[in-house]
Amino acid sequence: MADPSSIDAPGSRPELRPWRDVAAVTRCATETPFPALRPDDLLFNVSLMPYAMHPLVCARGQATRQHLSVLRLADYLNRTERVELHIVNRAVEQMLDIPGVRSVTRDDLLAIYTDEGFHTWMMERFRRHCHAATGYSLTQCSSLSVARVMALCEAAPESCRGTAVVAAAAITETLITGTLREAGAGDSVYAPVRTLLAEHGADEMRHQAAFVRFVGEWVPLLSPDERGFLDAIVPELMVAFLAPELPTWHAHLCAVGMTSQDADRILRDSVDPLQVGVQMMEAALVPRRLFERLGMSCTERFAHRVGRWRPPA
């Protein structure tokens, strides 16, 4: 094992290489360089950004739409990072101590835990490479949807908090897998973004399968009170994670030069509550089917919540 004193100090011990060069979890030093960003490139699938096609945005040209896609990608990476570190890995710590689940081993859980840390490292490297190649900074900030999910977990009674965290991880891990596929789809999306999200999505598909197996064995082991708590919190968790982050989108529109009034109008024109409800139901298909198969009624309450969703006044 390398002397820890050699970390990031290659000059002090010439016979030892820096930790980044010798770590088992690393990337090839000959990664393909990022190409130059073309004017028609986007960094996020515009079909997931209805506001980016509004006439007021289109009137400002492709550069504005590209900038909006950068802001949306930055937000998406922040959201994904927080899901992986603050929800999924926190849940894995709980899951390691849950007896009676045989289809997902301790080795499986530790592999997921390691993957999630690796993904956040890769996203950090991506931010650095992207800035060097494009001049755009993918700034880090909080994620509204993750904050909503975590607030629900923290508000749970202490005896149910572990159950809430495991449920939150199972839900967010399945929901984010689909978005990874969609966010990088399309020829207009900058090639390094497509590669990053495709590689990440392939890993998350495996994680999703493991969580589905785990929940399938775990829920039948819960007490009636625990199942009742789970039935109540699952719809809230799904809505919290899937509901549009309108304040974030508003801030993005203002960041590209829109007035607050114009941003309000763009979102009002672009966000159809009925369509949002349809999209939320489609996005939640995997967890809905999972909990239905386990005989839980939470999916009915989720459908009711989604049908009543309206933008905040």
C-alpha atoms as a PDB file:
ATOM      1  CA  MET A   1       0.000   0.000   0.000  1.00  0.00           C
ATOM      2  CA  ALA A   2       1.357   3.433  -0.897  1.00  0.00           C
ATOM      3  CA  ASP A   3       2.563   5.720   1.864  1.00  0.00           C
ATOM      4  CA  PRO A   4      -0.307   8.178   2.539  1.00  0.00           C
ATOM      5  CA  SER A   5       2.249  10.975   2.739  1.00  0.00           C
ATOM      6  CA  SER A   6       2.787  10.573  -0.995  1.00  0.00           C
ATOM      7  CA  ILE A   7      -0.761  11.605  -1.866  1.00  0.00           C
ATOM      8  CA  ASP A   8      -0.664  14.558  -4.255  1.00  0.00           C
ATOM      9  CA  ALA A   9       2.998  15.107  -3.468  1.00  0.00           C
ATOM     10  CA  PRO A  10       4.874  13.339  -6.265  1.00  0.00           C
ATOM     11  CA  GLY A  11       8.015  15.371  -5.754  1.00  0.00           C
ATOM     12  CA  SER A  12       8.515  14.240  -2.180  1.00  0.00           C
ATOM     13  CA  ARG A  13       8.949  10.525  -2.996  1.00  0.00           C
ATOM     14  CA  PRO A  14       9.926  10.058  -6.662  1.00  0.00           C
ATOM     15  CA  GLU A  15       9.541   6.260  -6.457  1.00  0.00           C
ATOM     16  CA  LEU A  16       5.851   6.599  -5.492  1.00  0.00           C
ATOM     17  CA  ARG A  17       3.186   7.836  -7.872  1.00  0.00           C
ATOM     18  CA  PRO A  18       0.285  10.053  -6.753  1.00  0.00           C
ATOM     19  CA  TRP A  19      -2.761   8.296  -5.373  1.00  0.00           C
ATOM     20  CA  ARG A  20      -4.871   9.326  -8.389  1.00  0.00           C
ATOM     21  CA  ASP A  21      -2.520   7.342 -10.656  1.00  0.00           C
ATOM     22  CA  VAL A  22      -2.490   4.126  -8.636  1.00  0.00           C
ATOM     23  CA  ALA A  23      -6.009   3.901  -7.177  1.00  0.00           C
ATOM     24  CA  ALA A  24      -7.861   0.747  -8.173  1.00  0.00           C
ATOM     25  CA  VAL A  25     -10.900   2.811  -9.160  1.00  0.00           C
ATOM     26  CA  THR A  26      -9.568   5.071 -11.878  1.00  0.00           C
ATOM     27  CA  ARG A  27      -9.984   5.998 -15.523  1.00  0.00           C
ATOM     28  CA  CYS A  28      -7.628   5.458 -18.417  1.00  0.00           C
ATOM     29  CA  ALA A  29      -5.151   8.319 -18.761  1.00  0.00           C
ATOM     30  CA  THR A  30      -5.806   8.386 -22.503  1.00  0.00           C
ATOM     31  CA  GLU A  31      -9.487   9.373 -22.353  1.00  0.00           C
ATOM     32  CA  THR A  32     -10.704  10.817 -25.621  1.00  0.00           C
ATOM     33  CA  PRO A  33     -10.326  14.615 -25.506  1.00  0.00           C
ATOM     34  CA  PHE A  34     -13.527  16.638 -25.537  1.00  0.00           C
ATOM     35  CA  PRO A  35     -14.260  18.074 -29.001  1.00  0.00           C
ATOM     36  CA  ALA A  36     -14.918  21.740 -29.563  1.00  0.00           C
ATOM     37  CA  LEU A  37     -18.476  22.776 -28.767  1.00  0.00           C
ATOM     38  CA  ARG A  38     -20.413  23.643 -31.921  1.00  0.00           C
ATOM     39  CA  PRO A  39     -23.036  26.407 -31.951  1.00  0.00           C
ATOM     40  CA  ASP A  40     -25.838  23.899 -32.525  1.00  0.00           C
ATOM     41  CA  ASP A  41     -24.736  21.556 -29.712  1.00  0.00           C
ATOM     42  CA  LEU A  42     -26.859  21.249 -26.584  1.00  0.00           C
ATOM     43  CA  LEU A  43     -25.790  19.776 -23.261  1.00  0.00           C
ATOM     44  CA  PHE A  44     -29.211  18.403 -22.327  1.00  0.00           C
ATOM     45  CA  ASN A  45     -32.120  16.930 -24.266  1.00  0.00           C
ATOM     46  CA  VAL A  46     -34.310  19.915 -25.105  1.00  0.00           C
ATOM     47  CA  SER A  47     -37.446  17.742 -25.123  1.00  0.00           C
ATOM     48  CA  LEU A  48     -37.116  17.668 -21.317  1.00  0.00           C
ATOM     49  CA  MET A  49     -36.939  21.480 -21.277  1.00  0.00           C
ATOM     50  CA  PRO A  50     -40.318  22.703 -22.600  1.00  0.00           C
ATOM     51  CA  TYR A  51     -39.514  26.283 -21.624  1.00  0.00           C
ATOM     52  CA  ALA A  52     -36.500  26.260 -23.965  1.00  0.00           C
ATOM     53  CA  MET A  53     -38.830  26.148 -26.977  1.00  0.00           C
ATOM     54  CA  HIS A  54     -40.963  29.113 -25.897  1.00  0.00           C
ATOM     55  CA  PRO A  55     -41.113  31.942 -28.484  1.00  0.00           C
ATOM     56  CA  LEU A  56     -39.465  34.372 -26.052  1.00  0.00           C
ATOM     57  CA  VAL A  57     -36.510  32.002 -25.728  1.00  0.00           C
ATOM     58  CA  CYS A  58     -36.384  31.192 -29.448  1.00  0.00           C
ATOM     59  CA  ALA A  59     -36.285  34.911 -30.221  1.00  0.00           C
ATOM     60  CA  ARG A  60     -32.944  35.105 -28.421  1.00  0.00           C
ATOM     61  CA  GLY A  61     -31.379  32.467 -30.659  1.00  0.00           C
ATOM     62  CA  GLN A  62     -29.538  29.184 -30.309  1.00  0.00           C
ATOM     63  CA  ALA A  63     -26.885  30.581 -27.949  1.00  0.00           C
ATOM     64  CA  THR A  64     -29.557  31.195 -25.306  1.00  0.00           C
ATOM     65  CA  ARG A  65     -30.975  27.702 -25.720  1.00  0.00           C
ATOM     66  CA  GLN A  66     -27.467  26.247 -25.446  1.00  0.00           C
ATOM     67  CA  HIS A  67     -26.843  28.228 -22.254  1.00  0.00           C
ATOM     68  CA  LEU A  68     -30.135  26.979 -20.798  1.00  0.00           C
ATOM     69  CA  SER A  69     -29.088  23.403 -21.594  1.00  0.00           C
ATOM     70  CA  VAL A  70     -25.808  23.963 -19.742  1.00  0.00           C
ATOM     71  CA  LEU A  71     -27.675  25.196 -16.679  1.00  0.00           C
ATOM     72  CA  ARG A  72     -30.031  22.230 -16.837  1.00  0.00           C
ATOM     73  CA  LEU A  73     -27.143  19.754 -17.116  1.00  0.00           C
ATOM     74  CA  ALA A  74     -25.387  21.380 -14.167  1.00  0.00           C
ATOM     75  CA  ASP A  75     -28.566  21.061 -12.126  1.00  0.00           C
ATOM     76  CA  TYR A  76     -29.017  17.456 -13.224  1.00  0.00           C
ATOM     77  CA  LEU A  77     -25.469  16.502 -12.218  1.00  0.00           C
ATOM     78  CA  ASN A  78     -25.971  18.168  -8.835  1.00  0.00           C
ATOM     79  CA  ARG A  79     -29.236  16.312  -8.368  1.00  0.00           C
ATOM     80  CA  THR A  80     -27.681  12.978  -9.337  1.00  0.00           C
ATOM     81  CA  GLU A  81     -24.688  13.489  -7.058  1.00  0.00           C
ATOM     82  CA  ARG A  82     -26.903  14.237  -4.085  1.00  0.00           C
ATOM     83  CA  VAL A  83     -29.109  11.233  -4.771  1.00  0.00           C
ATOM     84  CA  GLU A  84     -26.081   8.963  -4.856  1.00  0.00           C
ATOM     85  CA  LEU A  85     -24.262  10.288  -1.798  1.00  0.00           C
ATOM     86  CA  HIS A  86     -27.057  11.504   0.476  1.00  0.00           C
ATOM     87  CA  ILE A  87     -29.862   9.067  -0.348  1.00  0.00           C
ATOM     88  CA  VAL A  88     -28.607   5.853  -1.982  1.00  0.00           C
ATOM     89  CA  ASN A  89     -25.407   5.382  -0.008  1.00  0.00           C
ATOM     90  CA  ARG A  90     -27.169   6.373   3.195  1.00  0.00           C
ATOM     91  CA  ALA A  91     -29.750   3.693   2.419  1.00  0.00           C
ATOM     92  CA  VAL A  92     -27.086   1.093   1.652  1.00  0.00           C
ATOM     93  CA  GLU A  93     -25.696   1.658   5.144  1.00  0.00           C
ATOM     94  CA  GLN A  94     -29.153   0.742   6.481  1.00  0.00           C
ATOM     95  CA  MET A  95     -29.636  -2.159   4.059  1.00  0.00           C
ATOM     96  CA  LEU A  96     -26.390  -3.827   5.125  1.00  0.00           C
ATOM     97  CA  ASP A  97     -27.975  -4.422   8.543  1.00  0.00           C
ATOM     98  CA  ILE A  98     -31.381  -5.686   7.339  1.00  0.00           C
ATOM     99  CA  PRO A  99     -31.613  -9.479   7.812  1.00  0.00           C
ATOM    100  CA  GLY A 100     -33.600 -11.905   5.709  1.00  0.00           C
ATOM    101  CA  VAL A 101     -32.851 -10.581   2.209  1.00  0.00           C
ATOM    102  CA  ARG A 102     -30.988 -13.181   0.149  1.00  0.00           C
ATOM    103  CA  SER A 103     -31.300 -11.994  -3.457  1.00  0.00           C
ATOM    104  CA  VAL A 104     -29.031  -8.974  -2.867  1.00  0.00           C
ATOM    105  CA  THR A 105     -25.824  -9.871  -1.075  1.00  0.00           C
ATOM    106  CA  ARG A 106     -23.526  -7.781   1.065  1.00  0.00           C
ATOM    107  CA  ASP A 107     -21.084  -7.878  -1.847  1.00  0.00           C
ATOM    108  CA  ASP A 108     -23.791  -6.459  -4.151  1.00  0.00           C
ATOM    109  CA  LEU A 109     -24.575  -3.631  -1.749  1.00  0.00           C
ATOM    110  CA  LEU A 110     -20.936  -2.695  -1.260  1.00  0.00           C
ATOM    111  CA  ALA A 111     -20.443  -2.684  -5.038  1.00  0.00           C
ATOM    112  CA  ILE A 112     -23.355  -0.244  -5.380  1.00  0.00           C
ATOM    113  CA  TYR A 113     -21.899   1.898  -2.592  1.00  0.00           C
ATOM    114  CA  THR A 114     -18.556   2.015  -4.396  1.00  0.00           C
ATOM    115  CA  ASP A 115     -20.165   2.694  -7.777  1.00  0.00           C
ATOM    116  CA  GLU A 116     -22.009   5.711  -6.419  1.00  0.00           C
ATOM    117  CA  GLY A 117     -18.822   7.283  -5.114  1.00  0.00           C
ATOM    118  CA  PHE A 118     -17.128   6.564  -8.433  1.00  0.00           C
ATOM    119  CA  HIS A 119     -19.971   8.217 -10.337  1.00  0.00           C
ATOM    120  CA  THR A 120     -19.659  11.406  -8.319  1.00  0.00           C
ATOM    121  CA  TRP A 121     -15.927  11.443  -8.988  1.00  0.00           C
ATOM    122  CA  MET A 122     -16.517  10.986 -12.708  1.00  0.00           C
ATOM    123  CA  MET A 123     -19.013  13.841 -12.703  1.00  0.00           C
ATOM    124  CA  GLU A 124     -16.457  16.058 -11.010  1.00  0.00           C
ATOM    125  CA  ARG A 125     -13.870  15.153 -13.652  1.00  0.00           C
ATOM    126  CA  PHE A 126     -16.483  15.805 -16.331  1.00  0.00           C
ATOM    127  CA  ARG A 127     -17.128  19.287 -14.944  1.00  0.00           C
ATOM    128  CA  ARG A 128     -13.436  20.077 -15.186  1.00  0.00           C
ATOM    129  CA  HIS A 129     -12.991  18.699 -18.718  1.00  0.00           C
ATOM    130  CA  CYS A 130     -16.185  20.365 -19.921  1.00  0.00           C
ATOM    131  CA  HIS A 131     -15.068  23.760 -18.655  1.00  0.00           C
ATOM    132  CA  ALA A 132     -11.695  23.386 -20.359  1.00  0.00           C
ATOM    133  CA  ALA A 133     -13.281  22.403 -23.701  1.00  0.00           C
ATOM    134  CA  THR A 134     -16.359  24.635 -23.786  1.00  0.00           C
ATOM    135  CA  GLY A 135     -15.735  27.505 -21.381  1.00  0.00           C
ATOM    136  CA  TYR A 136     -18.959  26.674 -19.555  1.00  0.00           C
ATOM    137  CA  SER A 137     -18.840  26.111 -15.795  1.00  0.00           C
ATOM    138  CA  LEU A 138     -21.158  23.414 -14.483  1.00  0.00           C
ATOM    139  CA  THR A 139     -21.559  25.033 -11.101  1.00  0.00           C
ATOM    140  CA  GLN A 140     -22.508  23.074  -8.008  1.00  0.00           C
ATOM    141  CA  CYS A 141     -25.537  23.981  -5.938  1.00  0.00           C
ATOM    142  CA  SER A 142     -28.327  22.348  -3.972  1.00  0.00           C
ATOM    143  CA  SER A 143     -31.088  20.300  -5.601  1.00  0.00           C
ATOM    144  CA  LEU A 144     -34.677  21.219  -4.810  1.00  0.00           C
ATOM    145  CA  SER A 145     -36.116  17.770  -5.526  1.00  0.00           C
ATOM    146  CA  VAL A 146     -33.489  15.986  -3.423  1.00  0.00           C
ATOM    147  CA  ALA A 147     -34.023  18.494  -0.612  1.00  0.00           C
ATOM    148  CA  ARG A 148     -37.755  17.715  -0.715  1.00  0.00           C
ATOM    149  CA  VAL A 149     -37.099  13.969  -0.515  1.00  0.00           C
ATOM    150  CA  MET A 150     -34.600  14.323   2.321  1.00  0.00           C
ATOM    151  CA  ALA A 151     -36.974  16.588   4.258  1.00  0.00           C
ATOM    152  CA  LEU A 152     -39.635  13.869   4.114  1.00  0.00           C
ATOM    153  CA  CYS A 153     -37.134  11.316   5.439  1.00  0.00           C
ATOM    154  CA  GLU A 154     -35.979  13.592   8.245  1.00  0.00           C
ATOM    155  CA  ALA A 155     -39.585  14.347   9.237  1.00  0.00           C
ATOM    156  CA  ALA A 156     -40.366  10.644   9.677  1.00  0.00           C
ATOM    157  CA  PRO A 157     -40.597   9.286  13.229  1.00  0.00           C
ATOM    158  CA  GLU A 158     -37.192   8.106  14.367  1.00  0.00           C
ATOM    159  CA  SER A 159     -38.335   4.481  14.451  1.00  0.00           C
ATOM    160  CA  CYS A 160     -39.364   4.721  10.774  1.00  0.00           C
ATOM    161  CA  ARG A 161     -36.506   6.830   9.446  1.00  0.00           C
ATOM    162  CA  GLY A 162     -34.498   3.880   8.178  1.00  0.00           C
ATOM    163  CA  THR A 163     -37.557   2.590   6.327  1.00  0.00           C
ATOM    164  CA  ALA A 164     -38.068   6.032   4.777  1.00  0.00           C
ATOM    165  CA  VAL A 165     -34.459   6.242   3.602  1.00  0.00           C
ATOM    166  CA  VAL A 166     -34.495   2.776   2.011  1.00  0.00           C
ATOM    167  CA  ALA A 167     -37.793   3.601   0.277  1.00  0.00           C
ATOM    168  CA  ALA A 168     -36.386   6.928  -0.935  1.00  0.00           C
ATOM    169  CA  ALA A 169     -33.330   5.203  -2.385  1.00  0.00           C
ATOM    170  CA  ALA A 170     -35.376   2.512  -4.124  1.00  0.00           C
ATOM    171  CA  ILE A 171     -37.601   5.185  -5.660  1.00  0.00           C
ATOM    172  CA  THR A 172     -34.943   7.704  -6.693  1.00  0.00           C
ATOM    173  CA  GLU A 173     -32.623   5.009  -8.036  1.00  0.00           C
ATOM    174  CA  THR A 174     -35.349   3.672 -10.317  1.00  0.00           C
ATOM    175  CA  LEU A 175     -36.582   7.113 -11.360  1.00  0.00           C
ATOM    176  CA  ILE A 176     -33.152   8.516 -12.169  1.00  0.00           C
ATOM    177  CA  THR A 177     -32.290   5.557 -14.407  1.00  0.00           C
ATOM    178  CA  GLY A 178     -34.923   6.520 -16.950  1.00  0.00           C
ATOM    179  CA  THR A 179     -33.922  10.166 -16.907  1.00  0.00           C
ATOM    180  CA  LEU A 180     -30.290   9.267 -17.587  1.00  0.00           C
ATOM    181  CA  ARG A 181     -31.364   7.600 -20.824  1.00  0.00           C
ATOM    182  CA  GLU A 182     -33.543  10.529 -21.872  1.00  0.00           C
ATOM    183  CA  ALA A 183     -31.290  13.417 -20.829  1.00  0.00           C
ATOM    184  CA  GLY A 184     -28.503  12.442 -23.214  1.00  0.00           C
ATOM    185  CA  ALA A 185     -30.693  11.261 -26.080  1.00  0.00           C
ATOM    186  CA  GLY A 186     -30.609  12.944 -29.470  1.00  0.00           C
ATOM    187  CA  ASP A 187     -27.945  13.843 -32.011  1.00  0.00           C
ATOM    188  CA  SER A 188     -28.015  17.482 -30.913  1.00  0.00           C
ATOM    189  CA  VAL A 189     -26.624  16.583 -27.478  1.00  0.00           C
ATOM    190  CA  TYR A 190     -22.865  17.197 -27.106  1.00  0.00           C
ATOM    191  CA  ALA A 191     -21.111  13.827 -27.556  1.00  0.00           C
ATOM    192  CA  PRO A 192     -19.245  13.775 -24.197  1.00  0.00           C
ATOM    193  CA  VAL A 193     -22.557  14.338 -22.403  1.00  0.00           C
ATOM    194  CA  ARG A 194     -24.104  11.391 -24.250  1.00  0.00           C
ATOM    195  CA  THR A 195     -21.146   9.205 -23.289  1.00  0.00           C
ATOM    196  CA  LEU A 196     -21.177  10.224 -19.622  1.00  0.00           C
ATOM    197  CA  LEU A 197     -24.905   9.672 -19.203  1.00  0.00           C
ATOM    198  CA  ALA A 198     -24.918   6.403 -21.190  1.00  0.00           C
ATOM    199  CA  GLU A 199     -22.116   4.907 -19.079  1.00  0.00           C
ATOM    200  CA  HIS A 200     -23.760   6.098 -15.892  1.00  0.00           C
ATOM    201  CA  GLY A 201     -27.140   4.804 -17.028  1.00  0.00           C
ATOM    202  CA  ALA A 202     -25.748   1.321 -17.701  1.00  0.00           C
ATOM    203  CA  ASP A 203     -24.532   1.113 -14.096  1.00  0.00           C
ATOM    204  CA  GLU A 204     -27.788   2.491 -12.740  1.00  0.00           C
ATOM    205  CA  MET A 205     -29.776  -0.171 -14.600  1.00  0.00           C
ATOM    206  CA  ARG A 206     -27.898  -2.795 -12.586  1.00  0.00           C
ATOM    207  CA  HIS A 207     -28.488  -0.858  -9.372  1.00  0.00           C
ATOM    208  CA  GLN A 208     -32.181  -0.531 -10.191  1.00  0.00           C
ATOM    209  CA  ALA A 209     -32.484  -4.297 -10.655  1.00  0.00           C
ATOM    210  CA  ALA A 210     -30.791  -4.872  -7.290  1.00  0.00           C
ATOM    211  CA  PHE A 211     -33.103  -2.426  -5.505  1.00  0.00           C
ATOM    212  CA  VAL A 212     -36.186  -4.018  -7.074  1.00  0.00           C
ATOM    213  CA  ARG A 213     -35.047  -7.450  -5.837  1.00  0.00           C
ATOM    214  CA  PHE A 214     -34.221  -6.080  -2.392  1.00  0.00           C
ATOM    215  CA  VAL A 215     -37.554  -4.309  -1.945  1.00  0.00           C
ATOM    216  CA  GLY A 216     -39.385  -7.398  -3.196  1.00  0.00           C
ATOM    217  CA  GLU A 217     -37.967  -9.403  -0.278  1.00  0.00           C
ATOM    218  CA  TRP A 218     -37.829  -6.591   2.291  1.00  0.00           C
ATOM    219  CA  VAL A 219     -41.425  -5.336   2.207  1.00  0.00           C
ATOM    220  CA  PRO A 220     -42.993  -8.711   3.132  1.00  0.00           C
ATOM    221  CA  LEU A 221     -40.730  -8.758   6.206  1.00  0.00           C
ATOM    222  CA  LEU A 222     -42.099  -5.445   7.517  1.00  0.00           C
ATOM    223  CA  SER A 223     -44.576  -5.250  10.369  1.00  0.00           C
ATOM    224  CA  PRO A 224     -48.133  -4.018   9.661  1.00  0.00           C
ATOM    225  CA  ASP A 225     -47.242  -0.629  11.157  1.00  0.00           C
ATOM    226  CA  GLU A 226     -44.121  -0.351   9.003  1.00  0.00           C
ATOM    227  CA  ARG A 227     -46.087  -1.276   5.886  1.00  0.00           C
ATOM    228  CA  GLY A 228     -48.677   1.350   6.790  1.00  0.00           C
ATOM    229  CA  PHE A 229     -45.937   3.960   7.111  1.00  0.00           C
ATOM    230  CA  LEU A 230     -44.453   2.882   3.781  1.00  0.00           C
ATOM    231  CA  ASP A 231     -47.858   3.091   2.094  1.00  0.00           C
ATOM    232  CA  ALA A 232     -48.187   6.673   3.320  1.00  0.00           C
ATOM    233  CA  ILE A 233     -44.717   7.970   2.468  1.00  0.00           C
ATOM    234  CA  VAL A 234     -44.083   6.346  -0.936  1.00  0.00           C
ATOM    235  CA  PRO A 235     -46.512   8.619  -2.864  1.00  0.00           C
ATOM    236  CA  GLU A 236     -45.035  11.677  -1.141  1.00  0.00           C
ATOM    237  CA  LEU A 237     -41.496  10.633  -2.037  1.00  0.00           C
ATOM    238  CA  MET A 238     -42.373  10.047  -5.695  1.00  0.00           C
ATOM    239  CA  VAL A 239     -44.158  13.384  -6.049  1.00  0.00           C
ATOM    240  CA  ALA A 240     -41.343  15.204  -4.225  1.00  0.00           C
ATOM    241  CA  PHE A 241     -38.751  13.813  -6.629  1.00  0.00           C
ATOM    242  CA  LEU A 242     -40.729  14.059  -9.860  1.00  0.00           C
ATOM    243  CA  ALA A 243     -42.539  17.390  -9.520  1.00  0.00           C
ATOM    244  CA  PRO A 244     -41.040  20.049 -11.843  1.00  0.00           C
ATOM    245  CA  GLU A 245     -38.453  22.265 -10.174  1.00  0.00           C
ATOM    246  CA  LEU A 246     -40.109  25.501 -11.272  1.00  0.00           C
ATOM    247  CA  PRO A 247     -38.048  27.843  -9.040  1.00  0.00           C
ATOM    248  CA  THR A 248     -34.863  26.364 -10.518  1.00  0.00           C
ATOM    249  CA  TRP A 249     -36.113  26.763 -14.085  1.00  0.00           C
ATOM    250  CA  HIS A 250     -37.171  30.321 -13.287  1.00  0.00           C
ATOM    251  CA  ALA A 251     -33.643  31.069 -12.048  1.00  0.00           C
ATOM    252  CA  HIS A 252     -32.171  29.560 -15.228  1.00  0.00           C
ATOM    253  CA  LEU A 253     -34.348  31.771 -17.435  1.00  0.00           C
ATOM    254  CA  CYS A 254     -33.326  34.852 -15.481  1.00  0.00           C
ATOM    255  CA  ALA A 255     -29.666  33.791 -15.740  1.00  0.00           C
ATOM    256  CA  VAL A 256     -29.853  33.943 -19.550  1.00  0.00           C
ATOM    257  CA  GLY A 257     -31.287  37.454 -19.502  1.00  0.00           C
ATOM    258  CA  MET A 258     -35.035  37.062 -19.090  1.00  0.00           C
ATOM    259  CA  THR A 259     -36.858  39.361 -16.712  1.00  0.00           C
ATOM    260  CA  SER A 260     -38.615  37.745 -13.779  1.00  0.00           C
ATOM    261  CA  GLN A 261     -41.955  38.610 -15.368  1.00  0.00           C
ATOM    262  CA  ASP A 262     -40.970  37.017 -18.680  1.00  0.00           C
ATOM    263  CA  ALA A 263     -39.697  33.921 -16.864  1.00  0.00           C
ATOM    264  CA  ASP A 264     -43.045  33.635 -15.074  1.00  0.00           C
ATOM    265  CA  ARG A 265     -44.867  33.891 -18.388  1.00  0.00           C
ATOM    266  CA  ILE A 266     -42.627  31.335 -20.104  1.00  0.00           C
ATOM    267  CA  LEU A 267     -43.189  28.781 -17.360  1.00  0.00           C
ATOM    268  CA  ARG A 268     -46.902  29.492 -17.212  1.00  0.00           C
ATOM    269  CA  ASP A 269     -47.161  28.914 -20.966  1.00  0.00           C
ATOM    270  CA  SER A 270     -44.836  25.885 -21.031  1.00  0.00           C
ATOM    271  CA  VAL A 271     -45.923  23.816 -18.031  1.00  0.00           C
ATOM    272  CA  ASP A 272     -49.241  22.038 -18.600  1.00  0.00           C
ATOM    273  CA  PRO A 273     -50.429  20.375 -15.349  1.00  0.00           C
ATOM    274  CA  LEU A 274     -52.211  17.614 -17.255  1.00  0.00           C
ATOM    275  CA  GLN A 275     -49.089  16.800 -19.259  1.00  0.00           C
ATOM    276  CA  VAL A 276     -46.944  16.961 -16.119  1.00  0.00           C
ATOM    277  CA  GLY A 277     -49.249  14.408 -14.515  1.00  0.00           C
ATOM    278  CA  VAL A 278     -48.940  12.069 -17.490  1.00  0.00           C
ATOM    279  CA  GLN A 279     -45.145  12.409 -17.461  1.00  0.00           C
ATOM    280  CA  MET A 280     -44.943  11.715 -13.720  1.00  0.00           C
ATOM    281  CA  MET A 281     -47.075   8.587 -14.073  1.00  0.00           C
ATOM    282  CA  GLU A 282     -44.900   7.334 -16.942  1.00  0.00           C
ATOM    283  CA  ALA A 283     -41.648   8.131 -15.135  1.00  0.00           C
ATOM    284  CA  ALA A 284     -42.809   6.247 -12.024  1.00  0.00           C
ATOM    285  CA  LEU A 285     -43.828   3.099 -13.909  1.00  0.00           C
ATOM    286  CA  VAL A 286     -41.149   0.842 -12.379  1.00  0.00           C
ATOM    287  CA  PRO A 287     -41.744   1.727  -8.700  1.00  0.00           C
ATOM    288  CA  ARG A 288     -45.526   1.761  -9.257  1.00  0.00           C
ATOM    289  CA  ARG A 289     -45.474  -1.771 -10.639  1.00  0.00           C
ATOM    290  CA  LEU A 290     -43.130  -2.903  -7.881  1.00  0.00           C
ATOM    291  CA  PHE A 291     -45.320  -1.686  -5.027  1.00  0.00           C
ATOM    292  CA  GLU A 292     -48.509  -2.869  -6.754  1.00  0.00           C
ATOM    293  CA  ARG A 293     -47.007  -6.349  -7.066  1.00  0.00           C
ATOM    294  CA  LEU A 294     -46.315  -6.264  -3.324  1.00  0.00           C
ATOM    295  CA  GLY A 295     -49.990  -5.576  -2.623  1.00  0.00           C
ATOM    296  CA  MET A 296     -49.587  -1.980  -1.489  1.00  0.00           C
ATOM    297  CA  SER A 297     -52.140   0.764  -2.110  1.00  0.00           C
ATOM    298  CA  CYS A 298     -49.642   3.639  -2.269  1.00  0.00           C
ATOM    299  CA  THR A 299     -49.705   3.730  -6.066  1.00  0.00           C
ATOM    300  CA  GLU A 300     -53.385   4.694  -6.038  1.00  0.00           C
ATOM    301  CA  ARG A 301     -52.629   7.618  -3.747  1.00  0.00           C
ATOM    302  CA  PHE A 302     -49.746   8.617  -5.997  1.00  0.00           C
ATOM    303  CA  ALA A 303     -52.063   8.699  -9.019  1.00  0.00           C
ATOM    304  CA  HIS A 304     -54.496  10.844  -7.026  1.00  0.00           C
ATOM    305  CA  ARG A 305     -51.728  13.247  -5.989  1.00  0.00           C
ATOM    306  CA  VAL A 306     -50.420  13.494  -9.535  1.00  0.00           C
ATOM    307  CA  GLY A 307     -53.887  14.198 -10.894  1.00  0.00           C
ATOM    308  CA  ARG A 308     -54.215  17.149  -8.517  1.00  0.00           C
ATOM    309  CA  TRP A 309     -50.751  18.613  -9.151  1.00  0.00           C
ATOM    310  CA  ARG A 310     -50.742  22.306  -9.958  1.00  0.00           C
ATOM    311  CA  PRO A 311     -47.896  24.843 -10.143  1.00  0.00           C
ATOM    312  CA  PRO A 312     -47.434  26.734  -6.865  1.00  0.00           C
ATOM    313  CA  ALA A 313     -49.325  30.018  -6.836  1.00  0.00           C
END
